[in-house]
Amino acid sequence: MKLNIQENSIDLEELKKTLTNHFSDKYTVKMKGKYVIAVAKTKIIGANVVPLKNKIIITGGFPSLSVHIIFTLLFIVLGVLIPLIFYWFLLHNKMK
């Protein structure tokens, strides 16, 4: 999802504080690198919030780097089809 905003109108720390205040009872909000905010429902299901100059991009994804690495290793070991089926049927709908 893309949200258009005015250029340079969002501060990263301010956005993180706002997300923490609004979603503190259901979700965990933490920084994932310098420019990405991870909003986690569980250890596997979450969303990544990336503020850019004139828009904010919100994508479903893994909230932690360790889960992302494990999923990537499953792609390498098991091939593409089995992990994709696992992701599509068990995780994709929950990440929307």
PDB file of N, CA and C in Angstrom:
ATOM      1  N   MET A   1       0.835  -1.150   0.000  1.00  0.00           N
ATOM      2  CA  MET A   1       0.000   0.000   0.000  1.00  0.00           C
ATOM      3  C   MET A   1       0.896   1.234   0.000  1.00  0.00           C
ATOM      4  N   LYS A   2       0.523   2.209  -0.801  1.00  0.00           N
ATOM      5  CA  LYS A   2       1.259   3.464  -0.852  1.00  0.00           C
ATOM      6  C   LYS A   2       0.362   4.589  -0.356  1.00  0.00           C
ATOM      7  N   LEU A   3       0.895   5.400   0.531  1.00  0.00           N
ATOM      8  CA  LEU A   3       0.193   6.576   1.019  1.00  0.00           C
ATOM      9  C   LEU A   3       0.973   7.800   0.585  1.00  0.00           C
ATOM     10  N   ASN A   4       0.377   8.640  -0.228  1.00  0.00           N
ATOM     11  CA  ASN A   4       1.045   9.857  -0.682  1.00  0.00           C
ATOM     12  C   ASN A   4       0.980  10.921   0.406  1.00  0.00           C
ATOM     13  N   ILE A   5       2.103  11.591   0.634  1.00  0.00           N
ATOM     14  CA  ILE A   5       2.197  12.655   1.635  1.00  0.00           C
ATOM     15  C   ILE A   5       2.929  13.836   1.015  1.00  0.00           C
ATOM     16  N   GLN A   6       2.959  14.939   1.732  1.00  0.00           N
ATOM     17  CA  GLN A   6       3.739  16.080   1.262  1.00  0.00           C
ATOM     18  C   GLN A   6       5.214  15.760   1.448  1.00  0.00           C
ATOM     19  N   GLU A   7       6.029  16.314   0.579  1.00  0.00           N
ATOM     20  CA  GLU A   7       7.457  16.006   0.595  1.00  0.00           C
ATOM     21  C   GLU A   7       8.099  16.419   1.917  1.00  0.00           C
ATOM     22  N   ASN A   8       8.854  15.482   2.507  1.00  0.00           N
ATOM     23  CA  ASN A   8       9.591  15.654   3.768  1.00  0.00           C
ATOM     24  C   ASN A   8       8.699  16.110   4.928  1.00  0.00           C
ATOM     25  N   SER A   9       7.457  15.629   4.977  1.00  0.00           N
ATOM     26  CA  SER A   9       6.551  16.027   6.055  1.00  0.00           C
ATOM     27  C   SER A   9       6.520  15.037   7.213  1.00  0.00           C
ATOM     28  N   ILE A  10       7.159  13.889   7.073  1.00  0.00           N
ATOM     29  CA  ILE A  10       7.146  12.859   8.109  1.00  0.00           C
ATOM     30  C   ILE A  10       8.542  12.668   8.678  1.00  0.00           C
ATOM     31  N   ASP A  11       8.623  12.702   9.999  1.00  0.00           N
ATOM     32  CA  ASP A  11       9.858  12.383  10.701  1.00  0.00           C
ATOM     33  C   ASP A  11       9.771  10.919  11.132  1.00  0.00           C
ATOM     34  N   LEU A  12      10.843  10.168  10.962  1.00  0.00           N
ATOM     35  CA  LEU A  12      10.847   8.741  11.246  1.00  0.00           C
ATOM     36  C   LEU A  12      10.565   8.460  12.711  1.00  0.00           C
ATOM     37  N   GLU A  13      11.174   9.188  13.615  1.00  0.00           N
ATOM     38  CA  GLU A  13      10.950   8.980  15.047  1.00  0.00           C
ATOM     39  C   GLU A  13       9.522   9.344  15.445  1.00  0.00           C
ATOM     40  N   GLU A  14       8.987  10.398  14.846  1.00  0.00           N
ATOM     41  CA  GLU A  14       7.614  10.802  15.124  1.00  0.00           C
ATOM     42  C   GLU A  14       6.625   9.741  14.649  1.00  0.00           C
ATOM     43  N   LEU A  15       6.878   9.177  13.476  1.00  0.00           N
ATOM     44  CA  LEU A  15       6.029   8.114  12.944  1.00  0.00           C
ATOM     45  C   LEU A  15       6.075   6.890  13.845  1.00  0.00           C
ATOM     46  N   LYS A  16       7.262   6.536  14.321  1.00  0.00           N
ATOM     47  CA  LYS A  16       7.399   5.374  15.210  1.00  0.00           C
ATOM     48  C   LYS A  16       6.639   5.602  16.519  1.00  0.00           C
ATOM     49  N   LYS A  17       6.736   6.783  17.085  1.00  0.00           N
ATOM     50  CA  LYS A  17       6.018   7.086  18.323  1.00  0.00           C
ATOM     51  C   LYS A  17       4.506   7.037  18.111  1.00  0.00           C
ATOM     52  N   THR A  18       4.047   7.562  16.975  1.00  0.00           N
ATOM     53  CA  THR A  18       2.617   7.542  16.673  1.00  0.00           C
ATOM     54  C   THR A  18       2.105   6.118  16.513  1.00  0.00           C
ATOM     55  N   LEU A  19       2.845   5.282  15.783  1.00  0.00           N
ATOM     56  CA  LEU A  19       2.453   3.882  15.620  1.00  0.00           C
ATOM     57  C   LEU A  19       2.458   3.151  16.949  1.00  0.00           C
ATOM     58  N   THR A  20       3.435   3.420  17.790  1.00  0.00           N
ATOM     59  CA  THR A  20       3.514   2.778  19.100  1.00  0.00           C
ATOM     60  C   THR A  20       2.326   3.176  19.967  1.00  0.00           C
ATOM     61  N   ASN A  21       1.957   4.446  19.949  1.00  0.00           N
ATOM     62  CA  ASN A  21       0.820   4.907  20.753  1.00  0.00           C
ATOM     63  C   ASN A  21      -0.500   4.306  20.283  1.00  0.00           C
ATOM     64  N   HIS A  22      -0.690   4.206  18.985  1.00  0.00           N
ATOM     65  CA  HIS A  22      -1.959   3.706  18.450  1.00  0.00           C
ATOM     66  C   HIS A  22      -2.096   2.193  18.545  1.00  0.00           C
ATOM     67  N   PHE A  23      -0.982   1.473  18.377  1.00  0.00           N
ATOM     68  CA  PHE A  23      -1.063   0.018  18.279  1.00  0.00           C
ATOM     69  C   PHE A  23      -0.331  -0.719  19.388  1.00  0.00           C
ATOM     70  N   SER A  24      -0.089  -0.086  20.515  1.00  0.00           N
ATOM     71  CA  SER A  24       0.714  -0.713  21.565  1.00  0.00           C
ATOM     72  C   SER A  24       0.039  -1.919  22.193  1.00  0.00           C
ATOM     73  N   ASP A  25      -1.292  -1.990  22.187  1.00  0.00           N
ATOM     74  CA  ASP A  25      -1.967  -3.118  22.810  1.00  0.00           C
ATOM     75  C   ASP A  25      -1.999  -4.371  21.929  1.00  0.00           C
ATOM     76  N   LYS A  26      -1.922  -4.229  20.614  1.00  0.00           N
ATOM     77  CA  LYS A  26      -2.021  -5.381  19.708  1.00  0.00           C
ATOM     78  C   LYS A  26      -0.712  -5.725  19.007  1.00  0.00           C
ATOM     79  N   TYR A  27       0.101  -4.720  18.698  1.00  0.00           N
ATOM     80  CA  TYR A  27       1.276  -4.930  17.856  1.00  0.00           C
ATOM     81  C   TYR A  27       2.541  -4.421  18.543  1.00  0.00           C
ATOM     82  N   THR A  28       3.670  -4.970  18.105  1.00  0.00           N
ATOM     83  CA  THR A  28       4.975  -4.522  18.574  1.00  0.00           C
ATOM     84  C   THR A  28       5.603  -3.675  17.471  1.00  0.00           C
ATOM     85  N   VAL A  29       6.078  -2.496  17.824  1.00  0.00           N
ATOM     86  CA  VAL A  29       6.672  -1.580  16.850  1.00  0.00           C
ATOM     87  C   VAL A  29       8.142  -1.402  17.199  1.00  0.00           C
ATOM     88  N   LYS A  30       9.021  -1.672  16.210  1.00  0.00           N
ATOM     89  CA  LYS A  30      10.458  -1.489  16.429  1.00  0.00           C
ATOM     90  C   LYS A  30      11.131  -1.132  15.111  1.00  0.00           C
ATOM     91  N   MET A  31      12.329  -0.613  15.212  1.00  0.00           N
ATOM     92  CA  MET A  31      13.101  -0.254  14.027  1.00  0.00           C
ATOM     93  C   MET A  31      13.753  -1.504  13.438  1.00  0.00           C
ATOM     94  N   LYS A  32      13.750  -1.575  12.136  1.00  0.00           N
ATOM     95  CA  LYS A  32      14.385  -2.668  11.407  1.00  0.00           C
ATOM     96  C   LYS A  32      15.348  -2.011  10.422  1.00  0.00           C
ATOM     97  N   GLY A  33      16.538  -1.724  10.899  1.00  0.00           N
ATOM     98  CA  GLY A  33      17.488  -0.977  10.090  1.00  0.00           C
ATOM     99  C   GLY A  33      17.314   0.516  10.333  1.00  0.00           C
ATOM    100  N   LYS A  34      17.888   1.329   9.455  1.00  0.00           N
ATOM    101  CA  LYS A  34      17.833   2.780   9.630  1.00  0.00           C
ATOM    102  C   LYS A  34      16.512   3.400   9.204  1.00  0.00           C
ATOM    103  N   TYR A  35      15.905   2.879   8.136  1.00  0.00           N
ATOM    104  CA  TYR A  35      14.777   3.555   7.520  1.00  0.00           C
ATOM    105  C   TYR A  35      13.495   2.733   7.479  1.00  0.00           C
ATOM    106  N   VAL A  36      13.451   1.586   8.132  1.00  0.00           N
ATOM    107  CA  VAL A  36      12.283   0.706   8.077  1.00  0.00           C
ATOM    108  C   VAL A  36      11.756   0.490   9.490  1.00  0.00           C
ATOM    109  N   ILE A  37      10.446   0.619   9.639  1.00  0.00           N
ATOM    110  CA  ILE A  37       9.783   0.339  10.910  1.00  0.00           C
ATOM    111  C   ILE A  37       9.032  -0.974  10.752  1.00  0.00           C
ATOM    112  N   ALA A  38       9.294  -1.931  11.645  1.00  0.00           N
ATOM    113  CA  ALA A  38       8.614  -3.221  11.612  1.00  0.00           C
ATOM    114  C   ALA A  38       7.490  -3.205  12.640  1.00  0.00           C
ATOM    115  N   VAL A  39       6.287  -3.503  12.167  1.00  0.00           N
ATOM    116  CA  VAL A  39       5.120  -3.605  13.037  1.00  0.00           C
ATOM    117  C   VAL A  39       4.743  -5.078  13.070  1.00  0.00           C
ATOM    118  N   ALA A  40       4.913  -5.724  14.228  1.00  0.00           N
ATOM    119  CA  ALA A  40       4.753  -7.173  14.320  1.00  0.00           C
ATOM    120  C   ALA A  40       3.507  -7.546  15.100  1.00  0.00           C
ATOM    121  N   LYS A  41       2.732  -8.450  14.525  1.00  0.00           N
ATOM    122  CA  LYS A  41       1.592  -9.030  15.230  1.00  0.00           C
ATOM    123  C   LYS A  41       2.067 -10.237  16.025  1.00  0.00           C
ATOM    124  N   THR A  42       2.867 -11.086  15.384  1.00  0.00           N
ATOM    125  CA  THR A  42       3.534 -12.214  16.040  1.00  0.00           C
ATOM    126  C   THR A  42       4.988 -12.190  15.584  1.00  0.00           C
ATOM    127  N   LYS A  43       5.741 -13.236  15.910  1.00  0.00           N
ATOM    128  CA  LYS A  43       7.135 -13.283  15.482  1.00  0.00           C
ATOM    129  C   LYS A  43       7.263 -13.548  13.988  1.00  0.00           C
ATOM    130  N   ILE A  44       6.197 -14.066  13.370  1.00  0.00           N
ATOM    131  CA  ILE A  44       6.246 -14.423  11.950  1.00  0.00           C
ATOM    132  C   ILE A  44       5.424 -13.466  11.093  1.00  0.00           C
ATOM    133  N   ILE A  45       4.356 -12.901  11.628  1.00  0.00           N
ATOM    134  CA  ILE A  45       3.436 -12.075  10.845  1.00  0.00           C
ATOM    135  C   ILE A  45       3.585 -10.613  11.243  1.00  0.00           C
ATOM    136  N   GLY A  46       3.766  -9.761  10.226  1.00  0.00           N
ATOM    137  CA  GLY A  46       3.913  -8.337  10.491  1.00  0.00           C
ATOM    138  C   GLY A  46       3.889  -7.534   9.213  1.00  0.00           C
ATOM    139  N   ALA A  47       4.267  -6.273   9.342  1.00  0.00           N
ATOM    140  CA  ALA A  47       4.318  -5.372   8.202  1.00  0.00           C
ATOM    141  C   ALA A  47       5.543  -4.478   8.326  1.00  0.00           C
ATOM    142  N   ASN A  48       6.054  -4.058   7.189  1.00  0.00           N
ATOM    143  CA  ASN A  48       7.179  -3.136   7.149  1.00  0.00           C
ATOM    144  C   ASN A  48       6.680  -1.783   6.649  1.00  0.00           C
ATOM    145  N   VAL A  49       7.014  -0.728   7.380  1.00  0.00           N
ATOM    146  CA  VAL A  49       6.615   0.623   7.027  1.00  0.00           C
ATOM    147  C   VAL A  49       7.874   1.377   6.609  1.00  0.00           C
ATOM    148  N   VAL A  50       7.886   1.849   5.350  1.00  0.00           N
ATOM    149  CA  VAL A  50       9.047   2.547   4.808  1.00  0.00           C
ATOM    150  C   VAL A  50       8.635   3.962   4.412  1.00  0.00           C
ATOM    151  N   PRO A  51       9.025   4.969   5.206  1.00  0.00           N
ATOM    152  CA  PRO A  51       8.721   6.348   4.807  1.00  0.00           C
ATOM    153  C   PRO A  51       9.754   6.869   3.815  1.00  0.00           C
ATOM    154  N   LEU A  52       9.285   7.388   2.700  1.00  0.00           N
ATOM    155  CA  LEU A  52      10.141   7.998   1.684  1.00  0.00           C
ATOM    156  C   LEU A  52       9.860   9.496   1.665  1.00  0.00           C
ATOM    157  N   LYS A  53      10.431  10.223   0.709  1.00  0.00           N
ATOM    158  CA  LYS A  53      10.261  11.674   0.666  1.00  0.00           C
ATOM    159  C   LYS A  53       8.811  12.101   0.508  1.00  0.00           C
ATOM    160  N   ASN A  54       8.109  11.479  -0.441  1.00  0.00           N
ATOM    161  CA  ASN A  54       6.750  11.927  -0.720  1.00  0.00           C
ATOM    162  C   ASN A  54       5.697  10.829  -0.589  1.00  0.00           C
ATOM    163  N   LYS A  55       6.043   9.710   0.026  1.00  0.00           N
ATOM    164  CA  LYS A  55       5.067   8.640   0.240  1.00  0.00           C
ATOM    165  C   LYS A  55       5.540   7.712   1.349  1.00  0.00           C
ATOM    166  N   ILE A  56       4.607   6.947   1.867  1.00  0.00           N
ATOM    167  CA  ILE A  56       4.897   5.911   2.854  1.00  0.00           C
ATOM    168  C   ILE A  56       4.461   4.600   2.233  1.00  0.00           C
ATOM    169  N   ILE A  57       5.342   3.606   2.233  1.00  0.00           N
ATOM    170  CA  ILE A  57       5.040   2.304   1.661  1.00  0.00           C
ATOM    171  C   ILE A  57       4.884   1.306   2.812  1.00  0.00           C
ATOM    172  N   ILE A  58       3.746   0.593   2.802  1.00  0.00           N
ATOM    173  CA  ILE A  58       3.469  -0.414   3.818  1.00  0.00           C
ATOM    174  C   ILE A  58       3.325  -1.753   3.117  1.00  0.00           C
ATOM    175  N   THR A  59       4.177  -2.716   3.500  1.00  0.00           N
ATOM    176  CA  THR A  59       4.134  -4.034   2.880  1.00  0.00           C
ATOM    177  C   THR A  59       4.085  -5.109   3.957  1.00  0.00           C
ATOM    178  N   GLY A  60       3.372  -6.171   3.676  1.00  0.00           N
ATOM    179  CA  GLY A  60       3.359  -7.314   4.576  1.00  0.00           C
ATOM    180  C   GLY A  60       4.686  -8.050   4.463  1.00  0.00           C
ATOM    181  N   GLY A  61       5.188  -8.523   5.564  1.00  0.00           N
ATOM    182  CA  GLY A  61       6.467  -9.218   5.534  1.00  0.00           C
ATOM    183  C   GLY A  61       6.819  -9.763   6.887  1.00  0.00           C
ATOM    184  N   PHE A  62       7.993 -10.332   6.959  1.00  0.00           N
ATOM    185  CA  PHE A  62       8.483 -10.878   8.214  1.00  0.00           C
ATOM    186  C   PHE A  62       9.061  -9.744   9.056  1.00  0.00           C
ATOM    187  N   PRO A  63       8.653  -9.636  10.315  1.00  0.00           N
ATOM    188  CA  PRO A  63       9.110  -8.510  11.124  1.00  0.00           C
ATOM    189  C   PRO A  63      10.547  -8.628  11.637  1.00  0.00           C
ATOM    190  N   SER A  64      11.108  -9.822  11.634  1.00  0.00           N
ATOM    191  CA  SER A  64      12.479  -9.954  12.137  1.00  0.00           C
ATOM    192  C   SER A  64      13.394 -10.526  11.055  1.00  0.00           C
ATOM    193  N   LEU A  65      14.640 -10.182  11.155  1.00  0.00           N
ATOM    194  CA  LEU A  65      15.620 -10.638  10.179  1.00  0.00           C
ATOM    195  C   LEU A  65      15.859 -12.139  10.283  1.00  0.00           C
ATOM    196  N   SER A  66      15.810 -12.687  11.489  1.00  0.00           N
ATOM    197  CA  SER A  66      16.065 -14.116  11.655  1.00  0.00           C
ATOM    198  C   SER A  66      15.010 -14.968  10.950  1.00  0.00           C
ATOM    199  N   VAL A  67      13.747 -14.593  11.031  1.00  0.00           N
ATOM    200  CA  VAL A  67      12.688 -15.341  10.343  1.00  0.00           C
ATOM    201  C   VAL A  67      12.848 -15.211   8.834  1.00  0.00           C
ATOM    202  N   HIS A  68      13.238 -14.042   8.370  1.00  0.00           N
ATOM    203  CA  HIS A  68      13.462 -13.835   6.940  1.00  0.00           C
ATOM    204  C   HIS A  68      14.614 -14.716   6.437  1.00  0.00           C
ATOM    205  N   ILE A  69      15.671 -14.819   7.205  1.00  0.00           N
ATOM    206  CA  ILE A  69      16.812 -15.661   6.820  1.00  0.00           C
ATOM    207  C   ILE A  69      16.414 -17.127   6.798  1.00  0.00           C
ATOM    208  N   ILE A  70      15.642 -17.573   7.786  1.00  0.00           N
ATOM    209  CA  ILE A  70      15.193 -18.971   7.816  1.00  0.00           C
ATOM    210  C   ILE A  70      14.321 -19.268   6.601  1.00  0.00           C
ATOM    211  N   PHE A  71      13.425 -18.358   6.247  1.00  0.00           N
ATOM    212  CA  PHE A  71      12.568 -18.566   5.076  1.00  0.00           C
ATOM    213  C   PHE A  71      13.399 -18.617   3.792  1.00  0.00           C
ATOM    214  N   THR A  72      14.416 -17.774   3.693  1.00  0.00           N
ATOM    215  CA  THR A  72      15.295 -17.787   2.524  1.00  0.00           C
ATOM    216  C   THR A  72      16.084 -19.096   2.451  1.00  0.00           C
ATOM    217  N   LEU A  73      16.557 -19.583   3.579  1.00  0.00           N
ATOM    218  CA  LEU A  73      17.273 -20.863   3.596  1.00  0.00           C
ATOM    219  C   LEU A  73      16.360 -22.018   3.199  1.00  0.00           C
ATOM    220  N   LEU A  74      15.083 -21.952   3.593  1.00  0.00           N
ATOM    221  CA  LEU A  74      14.137 -22.974   3.153  1.00  0.00           C
ATOM    222  C   LEU A  74      13.973 -22.966   1.641  1.00  0.00           C
ATOM    223  N   PHE A  75      14.001 -21.785   1.027  1.00  0.00           N
ATOM    224  CA  PHE A  75      13.948 -21.701  -0.427  1.00  0.00           C
ATOM    225  C   PHE A  75      15.142 -22.396  -1.051  1.00  0.00           C
ATOM    226  N   ILE A  76      16.300 -22.203  -0.477  1.00  0.00           N
ATOM    227  CA  ILE A  76      17.514 -22.804  -1.035  1.00  0.00           C
ATOM    228  C   ILE A  76      17.511 -24.315  -0.842  1.00  0.00           C
ATOM    229  N   VAL A  77      17.141 -24.788   0.338  1.00  0.00           N
ATOM    230  CA  VAL A  77      17.206 -26.220   0.645  1.00  0.00           C
ATOM    231  C   VAL A  77      16.070 -26.997  -0.010  1.00  0.00           C
ATOM    232  N   LEU A  78      14.844 -26.498   0.078  1.00  0.00           N
ATOM    233  CA  LEU A  78      13.690 -27.251  -0.402  1.00  0.00           C
ATOM    234  C   LEU A  78      13.269 -26.903  -1.825  1.00  0.00           C
ATOM    235  N   GLY A  79      13.912 -25.952  -2.425  1.00  0.00           N
ATOM    236  CA  GLY A  79      13.490 -25.513  -3.742  1.00  0.00           C
ATOM    237  C   GLY A  79      12.460 -24.413  -3.609  1.00  0.00           C
ATOM    238  N   VAL A  80      11.871 -24.012  -4.690  1.00  0.00           N
ATOM    239  CA  VAL A  80      10.967 -22.874  -4.691  1.00  0.00           C
ATOM    240  C   VAL A  80       9.529 -23.283  -4.366  1.00  0.00           C
ATOM    241  N   LEU A  81       9.074 -24.384  -4.849  1.00  0.00           N
ATOM    242  CA  LEU A  81       7.655 -24.726  -4.790  1.00  0.00           C
ATOM    243  C   LEU A  81       7.139 -24.982  -3.377  1.00  0.00           C
ATOM    244  N   ILE A  82       7.819 -25.786  -2.598  1.00  0.00           N
ATOM    245  CA  ILE A  82       7.333 -26.135  -1.259  1.00  0.00           C
ATOM    246  C   ILE A  82       7.265 -24.917  -0.335  1.00  0.00           C
ATOM    247  N   PRO A  83       8.314 -24.097  -0.209  1.00  0.00           N
ATOM    248  CA  PRO A  83       8.177 -22.908   0.642  1.00  0.00           C
ATOM    249  C   PRO A  83       7.153 -21.896   0.132  1.00  0.00           C
ATOM    250  N   LEU A  84       7.007 -21.788  -1.192  1.00  0.00           N
ATOM    251  CA  LEU A  84       6.008 -20.877  -1.736  1.00  0.00           C
ATOM    252  C   LEU A  84       4.595 -21.323  -1.391  1.00  0.00           C
ATOM    253  N   ILE A  85       4.336 -22.609  -1.472  1.00  0.00           N
ATOM    254  CA  ILE A  85       3.022 -23.141  -1.088  1.00  0.00           C
ATOM    255  C   ILE A  85       2.777 -22.890   0.395  1.00  0.00           C
ATOM    256  N   PHE A  86       3.782 -23.150   1.220  1.00  0.00           N
ATOM    257  CA  PHE A  86       3.682 -22.902   2.659  1.00  0.00           C
ATOM    258  C   PHE A  86       3.371 -21.432   2.925  1.00  0.00           C
ATOM    259  N   TYR A  87       4.102 -20.538   2.303  1.00  0.00           N
ATOM    260  CA  TYR A  87       3.893 -19.100   2.496  1.00  0.00           C
ATOM    261  C   TYR A  87       2.517 -18.673   2.021  1.00  0.00           C
ATOM    262  N   TRP A  88       2.127 -19.105   0.837  1.00  0.00           N
ATOM    263  CA  TRP A  88       0.890 -18.640   0.238  1.00  0.00           C
ATOM    264  C   TRP A  88      -0.337 -19.066   1.045  1.00  0.00           C
ATOM    265  N   PHE A  89      -0.380 -20.338   1.475  1.00  0.00           N
ATOM    266  CA  PHE A  89      -1.574 -20.836   2.160  1.00  0.00           C
ATOM    267  C   PHE A  89      -1.608 -20.508   3.643  1.00  0.00           C
ATOM    268  N   LEU A  90      -0.466 -20.400   4.294  1.00  0.00           N
ATOM    269  CA  LEU A  90      -0.466 -20.190   5.737  1.00  0.00           C
ATOM    270  C   LEU A  90      -0.197 -18.751   6.176  1.00  0.00           C
ATOM    271  N   LEU A  91       0.591 -17.988   5.428  1.00  0.00           N
ATOM    272  CA  LEU A  91       1.017 -16.685   5.908  1.00  0.00           C
ATOM    273  C   LEU A  91       0.503 -15.502   5.109  1.00  0.00           C
ATOM    274  N   HIS A  92       0.343 -15.649   3.820  1.00  0.00           N
ATOM    275  CA  HIS A  92       0.041 -14.501   2.962  1.00  0.00           C
ATOM    276  C   HIS A  92      -1.242 -13.775   3.364  1.00  0.00           C
ATOM    277  N   ASN A  93      -2.308 -14.501   3.616  1.00  0.00           N
ATOM    278  CA  ASN A  93      -3.583 -13.879   3.977  1.00  0.00           C
ATOM    279  C   ASN A  93      -3.508 -13.157   5.321  1.00  0.00           C
ATOM    280  N   LYS A  94      -2.714 -13.668   6.251  1.00  0.00           N
ATOM    281  CA  LYS A  94      -2.584 -13.041   7.557  1.00  0.00           C
ATOM    282  C   LYS A  94      -1.749 -11.774   7.483  1.00  0.00           C
ATOM    283  N   MET A  95      -0.877 -11.648   6.476  1.00  0.00           N
ATOM    284  CA  MET A  95      -0.028 -10.472   6.344  1.00  0.00           C
ATOM    285  C   MET A  95      -0.728  -9.318   5.651  1.00  0.00           C
ATOM    286  N   LYS A  96      -1.883  -9.570   5.054  1.00  0.00           N
ATOM    287  CA  LYS A  96      -2.607  -8.497   4.341  1.00  0.00           C
ATOM    288  C   LYS A  96      -3.161  -7.539   5.317  1.00  0.00           C
TER     289      LYS A  96
END
